[in-house]
Amino acid sequence: MPAADPARPAEAGLPDGHEQLDHHIGVLRTGAAGWAALSLTRRAEVLERIHAGVGDVAATWADVAAASKGLAPGHPLRGEEWLSGPYAVLGALDGYIATLRRLAAGGSPLDGVRIDTAPGDRTRAHVFPRTRIDALLLSGFTGEVWLRPGTTAADAVRDAGLAQVRRSERPEVGLVLGAGNITAIPVLDVLYELLAEGRVSLLKVNPTQDALVPVFEQALAPLIEIDALRIVRGAGDVGAYLTTHAGIDHIHITGSAQTFDAIVWGTGDAAAARRADDDPRLAVPITAELGGVSPIIVVPGEWTEADLRFQAAHIATMRLHNSGHNCIAGQVVILSADWPQREAFLRHLHTAYADAPERPVWYPRADERLADATAAYPQAQSSAAHSRLLVEVPRGQEPGAIESTEYFAPVLGVVQLQGEGQVFLDAAVAHANDHLTGTLGANILVDPDTEIALGAGFERAVAALRYGGIAINAWTGVLFATPILSWGAFPGSDIRDVGSGIGVVHNTLLLDAVERSVLRGPFRPFPRWATGGRFTVLPTPPWFVTARTGAAVSEGLTRYLIDRNPAGLAVTLALAMGA
């Protein structure tokens, strides 16, 4: 491949030798100083240009992503690539621009945000919805950022803005190792590095996203033009070279714990020796988002037949979105063995899981992990031409790998615990905390009457969950795509035991001392919410794998973030009513 023009991003594939990578890092060092010198208003203008650029490439972005995942034109799940690609990035840009504008006007990102307390000496900021449009597009959903225990409201207001109010003496160059599964992740990570840390980035894309590099380059051209970003392709040798480069000040990775450990400690006997001596080979700080085994806690209550069917489809979506290749895919359903409706719910779950639209298992080596699960659980229900598994663990049997292995494939487990009400909820929280690998995200499904009956005990249970993202009557994947909320593992991990990662991203209000985010949604969709629960105008949400008009609605919602055309939005909402 010919070398790229040093002054431009790589139009081709792997840069021609390490010299090109060295040059990129040198250019970024100059660009870091230039970014640091920009005013807040000028930075907001750069982001506004990026917003326009994302709008220009949004359709191509979604088409390229869908094609790379084997979703042919007309496939009912192509809408996923709108929502988990340009839609999420546009929402983040809107949030960061608003934050910069408030700071430039002498205000705080938290102006107008209700702040109260949560259990455990925590301060909680009710950050979503932030605008009337937020309240319409995600009707019935609310979101909170919980700060670490001991952080006061005054602390939160004082420190909001992060690098935009705390200038670094030495602007830094970071390496972002992009995820291979969700196309918004590399862009969102670059934006967070830039705005929360004041750090320009060399983005190395995962090979699964090589086809999107021209899209990223066009969308992010305003950053490339001011030498605040370079994008490179390449295999493991490129990543290995960059992670030890003297010109890199920080690394952020979205990926696996295995890759993280290889970066920090090396591999083989040498890595074991380094661990024993507590002598990491990595010489710079590193942050990471690494996934885990996410629980779906189903709190027993009196559900209607429609409730059982809707929530079964909800759980199927949590596992089957993106063919299960999500760090935040729900993997273990925790049910009450004493719930009178348990068997009825399981029948609906088996049906929803098996009947969801078929799609390729596309992520590298996912077929091997699916085969491993099939061997470990020969009694599991196989469906969709043997491309997905549903594992019911018999009562009294050790769950095994379903709780300890992030399959990153269409494998869903069901475990059962004794009890009802608060007894069950507390047991389920303890089980998730103590037995499931990782701390990235947890989901809770609870009907409105049961939540009211639990009272303060419900909020105490939420506080007891050791997860960085918690979705109540929602999926944490929607929390991910709502970037005013934080995204990352529960605090406490370090390079010696990284778990689900270190640090957070997204967080468009740029809040400090973040512990977790909590997203709450409606238990019942429109119009059934009127029988009890949160008001919503959404029938079947467009991200559900059962949404008949999900692809068109997802595209329409994204286009509204691009052009703010109310007529187009009205058409989209009318389509949503047919979901």
Protein backbone atom coordinates (compact mmCIF):
# COMPACT_ATOMS: atom_id res chain seq x y z
CA MET A 1 0.00 0.00 0.00
CA PRO A 2 1.42 3.46 -0.79
CA ALA A 3 2.12 5.73 2.15
CA ALA A 4 -0.51 8.27 3.05
CA ASP A 5 0.23 11.94 2.76
CA PRO A 6 1.73 12.77 6.18
CA ALA A 7 -0.48 15.83 6.44
CA ARG A 8 -3.62 13.78 5.87
CA PRO A 9 -5.28 10.72 7.41
CA ALA A 10 -4.47 7.31 5.96
CA GLU A 11 -6.65 6.81 2.90
CA ALA A 12 -5.41 3.29 2.37
CA GLY A 13 -4.71 0.49 4.81
CA LEU A 14 -1.80 -0.15 7.16
CA PRO A 15 0.53 2.87 7.22
CA ASP A 16 3.77 2.24 5.35
CA GLY A 17 6.04 1.24 8.21
CA HIS A 18 6.51 2.63 11.66
CA GLU A 19 7.85 5.89 10.26
CA GLN A 20 4.34 6.91 9.25
CA LEU A 21 3.02 6.16 12.73
CA ASP A 22 5.86 8.16 14.25
CA HIS A 23 5.00 11.07 11.98
CA HIS A 24 1.35 10.97 12.99
CA ILE A 25 2.29 11.12 16.66
CA GLY A 26 4.62 14.05 16.05
CA VAL A 27 1.90 15.96 14.21
CA LEU A 28 -0.55 15.24 17.02
CA ARG A 29 1.90 16.62 19.57
CA THR A 30 1.72 19.96 17.77
CA GLY A 31 -2.04 19.62 17.41
CA ALA A 32 -2.43 19.03 21.14
CA ALA A 33 -0.97 22.45 21.87
CA GLY A 34 -3.21 23.98 19.24
CA TRP A 35 -6.36 22.42 20.71
CA ALA A 36 -5.38 23.59 24.19
CA ALA A 37 -5.09 27.15 22.89
CA LEU A 38 -8.61 27.23 21.44
CA SER A 39 -11.33 29.09 23.29
CA LEU A 40 -14.42 27.26 24.50
CA THR A 41 -16.47 28.96 21.80
CA ARG A 42 -14.05 27.88 19.09
CA ARG A 43 -14.12 24.30 20.37
CA ALA A 44 -17.91 24.32 20.22
CA GLU A 45 -17.70 25.54 16.61
CA VAL A 46 -15.40 22.63 15.75
CA LEU A 47 -17.93 20.22 17.23
CA GLU A 48 -20.74 21.86 15.27
CA ARG A 49 -18.79 21.21 12.07
CA ILE A 50 -18.33 17.58 13.11
CA HIS A 51 -22.08 17.37 13.72
CA ALA A 52 -22.68 18.52 10.15
CA GLY A 53 -20.11 16.03 8.90
CA VAL A 54 -21.78 13.15 10.71
CA GLY A 55 -25.07 14.20 9.15
CA ASP A 56 -23.50 14.15 5.69
CA VAL A 57 -22.22 10.57 6.07
CA ALA A 58 -24.95 9.10 8.28
CA ALA A 59 -26.66 7.05 5.56
CA THR A 60 -23.36 5.71 4.25
CA TRP A 61 -22.26 4.97 7.81
CA ALA A 62 -25.37 2.91 8.52
CA ASP A 63 -25.21 1.11 5.16
CA VAL A 64 -21.52 0.19 5.45
CA ALA A 65 -21.99 -1.00 9.04
CA ALA A 66 -25.03 -3.10 8.15
CA ALA A 67 -23.28 -4.66 5.18
CA SER A 68 -20.21 -5.51 7.27
CA LYS A 69 -22.49 -7.41 9.65
CA GLY A 70 -24.29 -9.31 6.93
CA LEU A 71 -27.58 -7.38 7.12
CA ALA A 72 -28.88 -7.13 3.57
CA PRO A 73 -30.96 -4.18 2.34
CA GLY A 74 -34.47 -4.56 3.70
CA HIS A 75 -33.42 -6.60 6.74
CA PRO A 76 -35.67 -5.58 9.66
CA LEU A 77 -32.72 -5.08 12.03
CA ARG A 78 -30.70 -2.64 9.93
CA GLY A 79 -32.04 0.15 12.14
CA GLU A 80 -29.60 -0.99 14.83
CA GLU A 81 -26.80 0.51 12.76
CA TRP A 82 -28.47 3.92 12.71
CA LEU A 83 -29.04 4.02 16.47
CA SER A 84 -25.70 2.51 17.55
CA GLY A 85 -23.76 4.54 15.00
CA PRO A 86 -24.59 8.10 13.89
CA TYR A 87 -27.57 8.57 16.26
CA ALA A 88 -25.45 7.99 19.38
CA VAL A 89 -22.64 10.22 18.08
CA LEU A 90 -25.01 13.05 17.15
CA GLY A 91 -26.54 12.91 20.63
CA ALA A 92 -23.10 13.14 22.19
CA LEU A 93 -22.12 16.08 20.01
CA ASP A 94 -25.32 17.92 20.93
CA GLY A 95 -24.53 17.35 24.60
CA TYR A 96 -20.89 18.43 24.42
CA ILE A 97 -21.76 21.53 22.38
CA ALA A 98 -24.35 22.56 24.97
CA THR A 99 -21.82 22.04 27.76
CA LEU A 100 -19.18 24.13 26.02
CA ARG A 101 -21.68 26.90 25.30
CA ARG A 102 -22.80 27.02 28.94
CA LEU A 103 -19.21 27.17 30.16
CA ALA A 104 -18.34 29.86 27.63
CA ALA A 105 -21.25 31.94 28.93
CA GLY A 106 -19.96 31.65 32.48
CA GLY A 107 -22.43 29.00 33.58
CA SER A 108 -22.17 25.41 34.74
CA PRO A 109 -23.07 22.22 32.85
CA LEU A 110 -25.36 21.48 35.82
CA ASP A 111 -27.38 24.68 35.49
CA GLY A 112 -31.04 23.70 35.58
CA VAL A 113 -30.33 20.11 36.63
CA ARG A 114 -32.12 18.81 39.72
CA ILE A 115 -29.65 17.43 42.25
CA ASP A 116 -30.66 15.32 45.23
CA THR A 117 -29.32 12.41 47.27
CA ALA A 118 -29.31 8.65 46.77
CA PRO A 119 -28.75 5.92 49.37
CA GLY A 120 -25.24 5.57 50.74
CA ASP A 121 -24.24 9.25 51.08
CA ARG A 122 -24.40 9.72 47.31
CA THR A 123 -25.25 12.82 45.31
CA ARG A 124 -27.47 12.20 42.30
CA ALA A 125 -27.94 14.48 39.28
CA HIS A 126 -31.16 14.02 37.28
CA VAL A 127 -29.63 14.80 33.90
CA PHE A 128 -32.08 13.23 31.43
CA PRO A 129 -34.22 14.40 29.74
CA ARG A 130 -32.31 17.63 29.31
CA THR A 131 -34.55 19.08 26.57
CA ARG A 132 -38.13 18.73 25.38
CA ILE A 133 -36.88 16.77 22.39
CA ASP A 134 -35.11 14.32 24.73
CA ALA A 135 -38.44 13.79 26.47
CA LEU A 136 -40.15 13.10 23.15
CA LEU A 137 -37.58 10.86 21.45
CA LEU A 138 -37.16 8.71 24.56
CA SER A 139 -40.63 9.24 25.93
CA GLY A 140 -41.03 7.95 29.47
CA PHE A 141 -37.30 7.52 30.11
CA THR A 142 -35.31 9.38 32.76
CA GLY A 143 -31.63 9.21 33.62
CA GLU A 144 -29.45 10.00 36.60
CA VAL A 145 -25.72 10.21 37.22
CA TRP A 146 -24.76 9.06 40.71
CA LEU A 147 -21.54 10.44 42.13
CA ARG A 148 -19.17 8.62 44.43
CA PRO A 149 -20.07 8.51 48.13
CA GLY A 150 -19.07 11.66 49.96
CA THR A 151 -19.21 13.90 46.87
CA THR A 152 -21.47 16.88 47.60
CA ALA A 153 -23.69 18.87 45.28
CA ALA A 154 -21.30 21.80 45.67
CA ASP A 155 -18.40 19.55 44.66
CA ALA A 156 -20.33 18.42 41.58
CA VAL A 157 -21.07 21.97 40.42
CA ARG A 158 -17.53 23.17 41.12
CA ASP A 159 -15.84 20.37 39.19
CA ALA A 160 -18.25 19.99 36.27
CA GLY A 161 -16.46 20.64 33.01
CA LEU A 162 -13.32 18.57 33.67
CA ALA A 163 -10.60 19.52 31.17
CA GLN A 164 -12.70 22.39 29.83
CA VAL A 165 -12.24 24.23 33.12
CA ARG A 166 -8.93 22.69 34.22
CA ARG A 167 -6.25 23.43 31.66
CA SER A 168 -3.31 21.01 31.42
CA GLU A 169 0.22 22.37 31.58
CA ARG A 170 1.33 19.75 29.04
CA PRO A 171 -1.26 18.84 26.42
CA GLU A 172 -1.26 15.11 25.80
CA VAL A 173 -1.47 12.66 22.91
CA GLY A 174 -3.51 9.55 23.56
CA LEU A 175 -3.95 6.24 21.76
CA VAL A 176 -7.53 5.04 21.33
CA LEU A 177 -7.85 1.37 20.43
CA GLY A 178 -11.28 1.23 18.87
CA ALA A 179 -13.94 -1.39 19.48
CA GLY A 180 -14.87 -3.79 16.70
CA ASN A 181 -18.54 -4.36 17.44
CA ILE A 182 -20.45 -1.05 17.75
CA THR A 183 -19.53 1.63 15.25
CA ALA A 184 -20.16 4.66 17.46
CA ILE A 185 -17.66 3.54 20.09
CA PRO A 186 -14.39 4.69 18.47
CA VAL A 187 -15.82 8.13 17.71
CA LEU A 188 -17.39 8.52 21.16
CA ASP A 189 -14.11 7.53 22.80
CA VAL A 190 -12.15 10.06 20.75
CA LEU A 191 -14.62 12.80 21.72
CA TYR A 192 -14.45 11.95 25.42
CA GLU A 193 -10.66 11.93 25.40
CA LEU A 194 -10.69 15.34 23.75
CA LEU A 195 -13.30 17.00 25.95
CA ALA A 196 -13.00 15.33 29.34
CA GLU A 197 -9.22 14.99 29.30
CA GLY A 198 -8.11 17.63 26.80
CA ARG A 199 -6.22 14.90 24.97
CA VAL A 200 -5.88 14.57 21.18
CA SER A 201 -5.93 11.04 19.79
CA LEU A 202 -4.39 8.58 17.43
CA LEU A 203 -7.32 6.28 16.72
CA LYS A 204 -6.46 2.76 15.65
CA VAL A 205 -9.61 1.13 14.35
CA ASN A 206 -10.37 -2.53 14.88
CA PRO A 207 -9.97 -4.49 11.61
CA THR A 208 -13.71 -5.27 11.66
CA GLN A 209 -14.31 -1.56 11.07
CA ASP A 210 -11.72 -0.93 8.36
CA ALA A 211 -14.46 -0.24 5.82
CA LEU A 212 -15.70 2.65 7.96
CA VAL A 213 -12.41 4.55 8.02
CA PRO A 214 -13.38 6.81 5.06
CA VAL A 215 -16.67 7.55 6.83
CA PHE A 216 -14.89 8.42 10.08
CA GLU A 217 -12.36 10.56 8.22
CA GLN A 218 -15.08 12.59 6.54
CA ALA A 219 -17.17 12.99 9.69
CA LEU A 220 -14.18 13.92 11.85
CA ALA A 221 -12.41 16.04 9.24
CA PRO A 222 -12.60 19.20 11.44
CA LEU A 223 -10.40 17.46 14.01
CA ILE A 224 -8.03 16.02 11.41
CA GLU A 225 -7.60 19.47 9.83
CA ILE A 226 -6.37 20.96 13.12
CA ASP A 227 -4.12 17.96 13.84
CA ALA A 228 -6.21 16.87 16.82
CA LEU A 229 -6.84 13.41 15.34
CA ARG A 230 -5.24 10.82 13.12
CA ILE A 231 -6.86 7.50 12.16
CA VAL A 232 -4.92 4.36 11.26
CA ARG A 233 -5.73 0.80 10.34
CA GLY A 234 -3.64 -2.25 11.06
CA ALA A 235 -3.40 -5.61 12.75
CA GLY A 236 -1.95 -6.53 16.12
CA ASP A 237 1.60 -5.48 15.17
CA VAL A 238 0.45 -1.88 14.76
CA GLY A 239 -1.30 -1.92 18.13
CA ALA A 240 1.74 -3.50 19.79
CA TYR A 241 4.04 -0.82 18.39
CA LEU A 242 1.78 2.03 19.41
CA THR A 243 1.13 0.84 22.97
CA THR A 244 4.87 1.05 23.71
CA HIS A 245 5.54 4.25 21.78
CA ALA A 246 7.35 6.96 23.75
CA GLY A 247 5.17 9.65 22.19
CA ILE A 248 1.92 8.23 23.60
CA ASP A 249 0.88 9.66 26.99
CA HIS A 250 -2.24 7.58 27.63
CA ILE A 251 -4.12 4.59 26.23
CA HIS A 252 -7.85 3.94 26.10
CA ILE A 253 -9.12 0.57 24.94
CA THR A 254 -12.55 -0.89 24.37
CA GLY A 255 -12.08 -4.63 24.05
CA SER A 256 -11.28 -7.70 26.10
CA ALA A 257 -9.52 -8.18 29.41
CA GLN A 258 -7.12 -10.52 27.62
CA THR A 259 -6.00 -7.74 25.28
CA PHE A 260 -5.81 -5.29 28.19
CA ASP A 261 -3.57 -7.64 30.16
CA ALA A 262 -1.32 -8.19 27.14
CA ILE A 263 -0.84 -4.43 26.84
CA VAL A 264 -0.14 -3.94 30.53
CA TRP A 265 1.80 -7.09 31.41
CA GLY A 266 2.83 -8.74 28.15
CA THR A 267 2.20 -12.41 27.43
CA GLY A 268 3.45 -15.82 28.44
CA ASP A 269 6.00 -16.49 31.16
CA ALA A 270 7.32 -12.94 31.03
CA ALA A 271 3.87 -11.59 31.87
CA ALA A 272 3.55 -14.00 34.80
CA ALA A 273 6.90 -12.85 36.13
CA ARG A 274 5.95 -9.21 35.79
CA ARG A 275 2.70 -9.81 37.66
CA ALA A 276 4.55 -11.57 40.43
CA ASP A 277 6.91 -8.62 40.74
CA ASP A 278 4.11 -6.06 40.26
CA ASP A 279 6.17 -4.62 37.42
CA PRO A 280 3.90 -3.72 34.49
CA ARG A 281 5.52 -3.25 31.10
CA LEU A 282 3.15 -0.36 30.33
CA ALA A 283 4.66 2.95 31.35
CA VAL A 284 1.64 5.25 30.86
CA PRO A 285 -1.88 5.40 32.35
CA ILE A 286 -4.61 3.33 30.74
CA THR A 287 -8.41 3.37 30.86
CA ALA A 288 -10.66 0.67 29.49
CA GLU A 289 -14.17 -0.65 28.89
CA LEU A 290 -14.07 -4.44 28.78
CA GLY A 291 -17.53 -5.88 29.16
CA GLY A 292 -18.73 -8.68 31.42
CA VAL A 293 -21.71 -10.92 32.13
CA SER A 294 -24.75 -8.69 32.55
CA PRO A 295 -27.69 -9.74 34.73
CA ILE A 296 -31.37 -9.20 34.00
CA ILE A 297 -33.19 -9.30 37.34
CA VAL A 298 -36.90 -10.05 36.94
CA VAL A 299 -38.70 -8.96 40.10
CA PRO A 300 -41.82 -11.13 40.59
CA GLY A 301 -45.20 -9.42 40.53
CA GLU A 302 -48.66 -9.74 39.04
CA TRP A 303 -48.16 -9.28 35.30
CA THR A 304 -50.75 -9.37 32.56
CA GLU A 305 -50.32 -11.65 29.56
CA ALA A 306 -49.32 -8.58 27.54
CA ASP A 307 -46.70 -7.70 30.19
CA LEU A 308 -45.22 -11.20 30.00
CA ARG A 309 -45.04 -11.05 26.21
CA PHE A 310 -43.57 -7.52 26.08
CA GLN A 311 -40.89 -8.13 28.69
CA ALA A 312 -39.94 -11.45 27.08
CA ALA A 313 -39.32 -9.55 23.84
CA HIS A 314 -37.40 -6.97 25.87
CA ILE A 315 -35.03 -9.62 27.22
CA ALA A 316 -34.64 -11.21 23.79
CA THR A 317 -33.56 -7.78 22.53
CA MET A 318 -31.02 -7.39 25.34
CA ARG A 319 -29.28 -10.57 24.18
CA LEU A 320 -29.85 -10.59 20.40
CA HIS A 321 -29.16 -6.96 19.49
CA ASN A 322 -26.11 -6.98 17.19
CA SER A 323 -26.32 -10.79 17.26
CA GLY A 324 -25.19 -10.77 20.88
CA HIS A 325 -21.84 -9.15 20.05
CA ASN A 326 -22.21 -6.46 22.72
CA CYS A 327 -20.23 -5.92 25.89
CA ILE A 328 -23.52 -4.94 27.50
CA ALA A 329 -25.70 -7.73 26.14
CA GLY A 330 -27.91 -9.24 28.85
CA GLN A 331 -26.64 -12.76 29.49
CA VAL A 332 -28.13 -14.12 32.72
CA VAL A 333 -31.82 -13.80 33.60
CA ILE A 334 -32.35 -14.09 37.35
CA LEU A 335 -35.87 -15.35 38.13
CA SER A 336 -37.71 -16.16 41.34
CA ALA A 337 -38.35 -19.89 41.66
CA ASP A 338 -41.40 -18.96 43.75
CA TRP A 339 -43.00 -16.62 41.21
CA PRO A 340 -46.41 -18.05 40.29
CA GLN A 341 -45.99 -16.76 36.74
CA ARG A 342 -42.49 -18.12 36.26
CA GLU A 343 -43.46 -20.93 33.86
CA ALA A 344 -45.74 -18.66 31.83
CA PHE A 345 -42.94 -16.11 31.53
CA LEU A 346 -40.42 -18.75 30.46
CA ARG A 347 -42.77 -19.94 27.72
CA HIS A 348 -42.99 -16.39 26.37
CA LEU A 349 -39.21 -15.99 26.66
CA HIS A 350 -38.49 -19.17 24.70
CA THR A 351 -40.90 -18.03 21.99
CA ALA A 352 -39.54 -14.47 21.74
CA TYR A 353 -35.95 -15.68 21.67
CA ALA A 354 -36.55 -18.31 19.00
CA ASP A 355 -38.83 -16.20 16.81
CA ALA A 356 -36.69 -13.04 16.60
CA PRO A 357 -35.46 -12.32 13.05
CA GLU A 358 -32.51 -14.46 12.02
CA ARG A 359 -29.21 -12.78 11.34
CA PRO A 360 -25.55 -13.80 10.93
CA VAL A 361 -23.31 -14.54 13.89
CA TRP A 362 -20.65 -12.30 12.41
CA TYR A 363 -18.07 -11.32 15.02
CA PRO A 364 -14.71 -13.12 14.74
CA ARG A 365 -14.63 -16.40 16.72
CA ALA A 366 -18.19 -15.97 17.99
CA ASP A 367 -19.04 -19.27 16.34
CA GLU A 368 -16.39 -20.94 18.51
CA ARG A 369 -17.87 -19.45 21.68
CA LEU A 370 -21.33 -20.57 20.59
CA ALA A 371 -19.94 -24.08 20.09
CA ASP A 372 -18.34 -23.94 23.55
CA ALA A 373 -21.69 -23.05 25.10
CA THR A 374 -23.42 -25.83 23.19
CA ALA A 375 -20.90 -28.33 24.55
CA ALA A 376 -21.19 -27.00 28.10
CA TYR A 377 -25.02 -27.02 28.05
CA PRO A 378 -26.21 -29.85 25.79
CA GLN A 379 -29.76 -29.46 27.19
CA ALA A 380 -30.04 -25.85 25.97
CA GLN A 381 -32.71 -24.79 23.50
CA SER A 382 -31.13 -24.17 20.11
CA SER A 383 -32.97 -22.04 17.56
CA ALA A 384 -32.53 -19.91 14.43
CA ALA A 385 -30.67 -22.67 12.55
CA HIS A 386 -28.51 -23.41 15.60
CA SER A 387 -27.29 -19.79 15.76
CA ARG A 388 -28.57 -19.03 19.28
CA LEU A 389 -28.92 -20.84 22.61
CA LEU A 390 -31.19 -20.43 25.62
CA VAL A 391 -29.86 -22.19 28.72
CA GLU A 392 -32.20 -22.91 31.63
CA VAL A 393 -30.05 -23.93 34.59
CA PRO A 394 -31.99 -26.46 36.70
CA ARG A 395 -32.61 -25.46 40.30
CA GLY A 396 -29.88 -26.73 42.55
CA GLN A 397 -27.33 -27.07 39.75
CA GLU A 398 -24.23 -24.89 39.57
CA PRO A 399 -24.70 -22.42 36.68
CA GLY A 400 -21.08 -22.72 35.57
CA ALA A 401 -19.70 -20.82 32.58
CA ILE A 402 -22.91 -18.93 31.81
CA GLU A 403 -22.14 -16.74 34.85
CA SER A 404 -18.37 -16.47 34.41
CA THR A 405 -17.79 -16.34 30.64
CA GLU A 406 -18.78 -13.38 28.53
CA TYR A 407 -19.87 -15.32 25.45
CA PHE A 408 -20.18 -12.28 23.16
CA ALA A 409 -22.57 -14.41 21.12
CA PRO A 410 -26.29 -15.30 21.16
CA VAL A 411 -26.23 -17.29 24.41
CA LEU A 412 -28.81 -16.47 27.10
CA GLY A 413 -28.97 -18.15 30.52
CA VAL A 414 -31.72 -18.40 33.12
CA VAL A 415 -31.01 -19.05 36.79
CA GLN A 416 -33.52 -19.23 39.63
CA LEU A 417 -33.35 -18.08 43.24
CA GLN A 418 -35.77 -18.58 46.11
CA GLY A 419 -38.00 -15.85 47.49
CA GLU A 420 -40.33 -13.08 46.47
CA GLY A 421 -40.52 -9.33 47.09
CA GLN A 422 -37.62 -7.73 48.91
CA VAL A 423 -36.17 -11.11 49.89
CA PHE A 424 -35.81 -12.10 46.26
CA LEU A 425 -34.57 -8.68 45.11
CA ASP A 426 -31.84 -8.56 47.76
CA ALA A 427 -30.80 -12.14 46.94
CA ALA A 428 -30.70 -11.36 43.22
CA VAL A 429 -28.55 -8.28 43.79
CA ALA A 430 -26.14 -10.24 45.95
CA HIS A 431 -26.02 -13.04 43.38
CA ALA A 432 -25.24 -10.63 40.55
CA ASN A 433 -22.57 -8.86 42.58
CA ASP A 434 -20.89 -12.02 43.85
CA HIS A 435 -21.28 -14.60 41.08
CA LEU A 436 -21.42 -12.83 37.71
CA THR A 437 -18.21 -11.70 36.03
CA GLY A 438 -17.84 -7.95 35.56
CA THR A 439 -19.45 -4.72 36.71
CA LEU A 440 -20.37 -2.91 33.48
CA GLY A 441 -24.16 -3.06 33.47
CA ALA A 442 -27.21 -4.59 35.14
CA ASN A 443 -30.89 -4.60 34.18
CA ILE A 444 -33.97 -4.78 36.43
CA LEU A 445 -37.54 -5.43 35.30
CA VAL A 446 -40.20 -4.56 37.88
CA ASP A 447 -43.87 -3.73 37.48
CA PRO A 448 -45.09 -0.39 38.90
CA ASP A 449 -47.21 -1.89 41.70
CA THR A 450 -44.36 -4.05 42.95
CA GLU A 451 -41.89 -1.17 42.83
CA ILE A 452 -44.27 0.97 44.89
CA ALA A 453 -44.79 -1.85 47.39
CA LEU A 454 -41.03 -2.28 47.80
CA GLY A 455 -40.69 1.42 48.63
CA ALA A 456 -37.30 2.56 49.89
CA GLY A 457 -36.09 -1.03 49.77
CA PHE A 458 -36.06 -0.89 46.00
CA GLU A 459 -33.74 2.13 45.90
CA ARG A 460 -31.49 0.54 48.50
CA ALA A 461 -31.24 -2.53 46.26
CA VAL A 462 -30.34 -0.37 43.27
CA ALA A 463 -27.65 1.32 45.34
CA ALA A 464 -26.30 -2.07 46.40
CA LEU A 465 -25.71 -3.19 42.81
CA ARG A 466 -22.02 -2.82 42.00
CA TYR A 467 -22.43 -1.85 38.36
CA GLY A 468 -21.46 1.26 36.41
CA GLY A 469 -24.72 1.29 34.46
CA ILE A 470 -28.13 0.20 35.75
CA ALA A 471 -31.28 0.10 33.64
CA ILE A 472 -34.68 -0.20 35.32
CA ASN A 473 -37.41 -1.33 32.94
CA ALA A 474 -34.93 -0.53 30.21
CA TRP A 475 -31.83 -2.07 28.66
CA THR A 476 -28.37 -0.75 29.45
CA GLY A 477 -27.73 -0.63 25.70
CA VAL A 478 -30.12 2.33 25.63
CA LEU A 479 -28.13 3.87 28.49
CA PHE A 480 -25.04 3.54 26.28
CA ALA A 481 -26.82 5.35 23.45
CA THR A 482 -27.90 8.19 25.81
CA PRO A 483 -24.49 9.86 26.12
CA ILE A 484 -25.43 12.49 28.67
CA LEU A 485 -25.14 9.48 31.00
CA SER A 486 -21.80 8.00 31.93
CA TRP A 487 -20.61 4.68 30.55
CA GLY A 488 -18.07 2.43 32.21
CA ALA A 489 -17.39 -0.14 34.89
CA PHE A 490 -18.18 0.33 38.57
CA PRO A 491 -15.20 2.02 40.27
CA GLY A 492 -12.63 -0.07 42.07
CA SER A 493 -10.72 -1.99 39.41
CA ASP A 494 -7.07 -1.39 38.59
CA ILE A 495 -4.48 -2.82 36.22
CA ARG A 496 -3.90 -5.81 38.50
CA ASP A 497 -7.54 -6.91 38.39
CA VAL A 498 -9.20 -4.94 35.64
CA GLY A 499 -12.65 -6.56 35.69
CA SER A 500 -14.93 -4.62 33.34
CA GLY A 501 -12.53 -1.72 33.03
CA ILE A 502 -11.23 1.52 34.46
CA GLY A 503 -12.80 4.97 34.07
CA VAL A 504 -15.86 6.24 32.21
CA VAL A 505 -16.71 7.78 28.84
CA HIS A 506 -19.69 9.69 27.31
CA ASN A 507 -20.83 11.84 30.29
CA THR A 508 -21.50 14.91 28.15
CA LEU A 509 -21.97 17.19 31.15
CA LEU A 510 -18.33 16.33 32.00
CA LEU A 511 -19.07 15.50 35.63
CA ASP A 512 -16.31 14.45 37.99
CA ALA A 513 -16.31 11.64 40.58
CA VAL A 514 -18.88 9.58 38.66
CA GLU A 515 -19.83 6.24 40.20
CA ARG A 516 -22.67 5.04 37.96
CA SER A 517 -25.60 6.06 35.80
CA VAL A 518 -29.17 4.84 36.18
CA LEU A 519 -31.71 4.82 33.34
CA ARG A 520 -35.40 4.29 34.15
CA GLY A 521 -37.99 3.44 31.53
CA PRO A 522 -41.68 2.61 31.26
CA PHE A 523 -42.68 -0.94 32.22
CA ARG A 524 -45.57 -0.82 29.77
CA PRO A 525 -45.57 0.75 26.28
CA PHE A 526 -48.18 3.03 24.75
CA PRO A 527 -51.13 2.76 25.23
CA ARG A 528 -50.93 0.15 28.02
CA TRP A 529 -49.00 2.50 30.30
CA ALA A 530 -52.43 3.90 31.26
CA THR A 531 -53.11 0.70 33.23
CA GLY A 532 -50.25 1.64 35.54
CA GLY A 533 -46.76 3.06 35.19
CA ARG A 534 -44.88 5.84 33.43
CA PHE A 535 -46.43 7.84 30.63
CA THR A 536 -44.88 7.14 27.22
CA VAL A 537 -45.85 7.73 23.61
CA LEU A 538 -43.65 4.83 22.48
CA PRO A 539 -45.37 1.58 21.55
CA THR A 540 -42.76 -1.10 20.78
CA PRO A 541 -39.43 0.77 21.00
CA PRO A 542 -37.55 0.83 17.68
CA TRP A 543 -34.54 -1.01 19.13
CA PHE A 544 -36.64 -4.07 20.02
CA VAL A 545 -35.89 -7.03 17.76
CA THR A 546 -39.67 -7.40 17.41
CA ALA A 547 -40.29 -3.83 16.16
CA ARG A 548 -41.90 -4.12 12.72
CA THR A 549 -41.00 -0.56 11.72
CA GLY A 550 -37.79 -0.36 13.73
CA ALA A 551 -35.48 0.20 10.75
CA ALA A 552 -37.47 3.11 9.34
CA VAL A 553 -38.07 4.68 12.76
CA SER A 554 -34.38 4.43 13.73
CA GLU A 555 -33.37 6.14 10.51
CA GLY A 556 -36.04 8.81 10.99
CA LEU A 557 -34.94 9.59 14.54
CA THR A 558 -31.36 9.96 13.37
CA ARG A 559 -32.36 12.21 10.50
CA TYR A 560 -34.23 14.42 12.94
CA LEU A 561 -31.04 14.92 14.96
CA ILE A 562 -29.40 15.95 11.69
CA ASP A 563 -31.93 18.36 10.22
CA ARG A 564 -34.39 19.13 13.08
CA ASN A 565 -37.23 18.91 10.57
CA PRO A 566 -40.51 18.68 12.53
CA ALA A 567 -42.42 17.37 9.52
CA GLY A 568 -39.99 14.49 9.15
CA LEU A 569 -40.22 13.76 12.86
CA ALA A 570 -44.00 13.65 12.63
CA VAL A 571 -43.75 11.03 9.88
CA THR A 572 -41.30 9.03 11.98
CA LEU A 573 -43.54 9.11 15.04
CA ALA A 574 -46.47 7.98 12.92
CA LEU A 575 -44.36 5.05 11.71
CA ALA A 576 -43.46 4.26 15.33
CA MET A 577 -47.14 3.85 16.13
CA GLY A 578 -47.17 0.95 13.71
CA ALA A 579 -44.34 -0.84 15.47
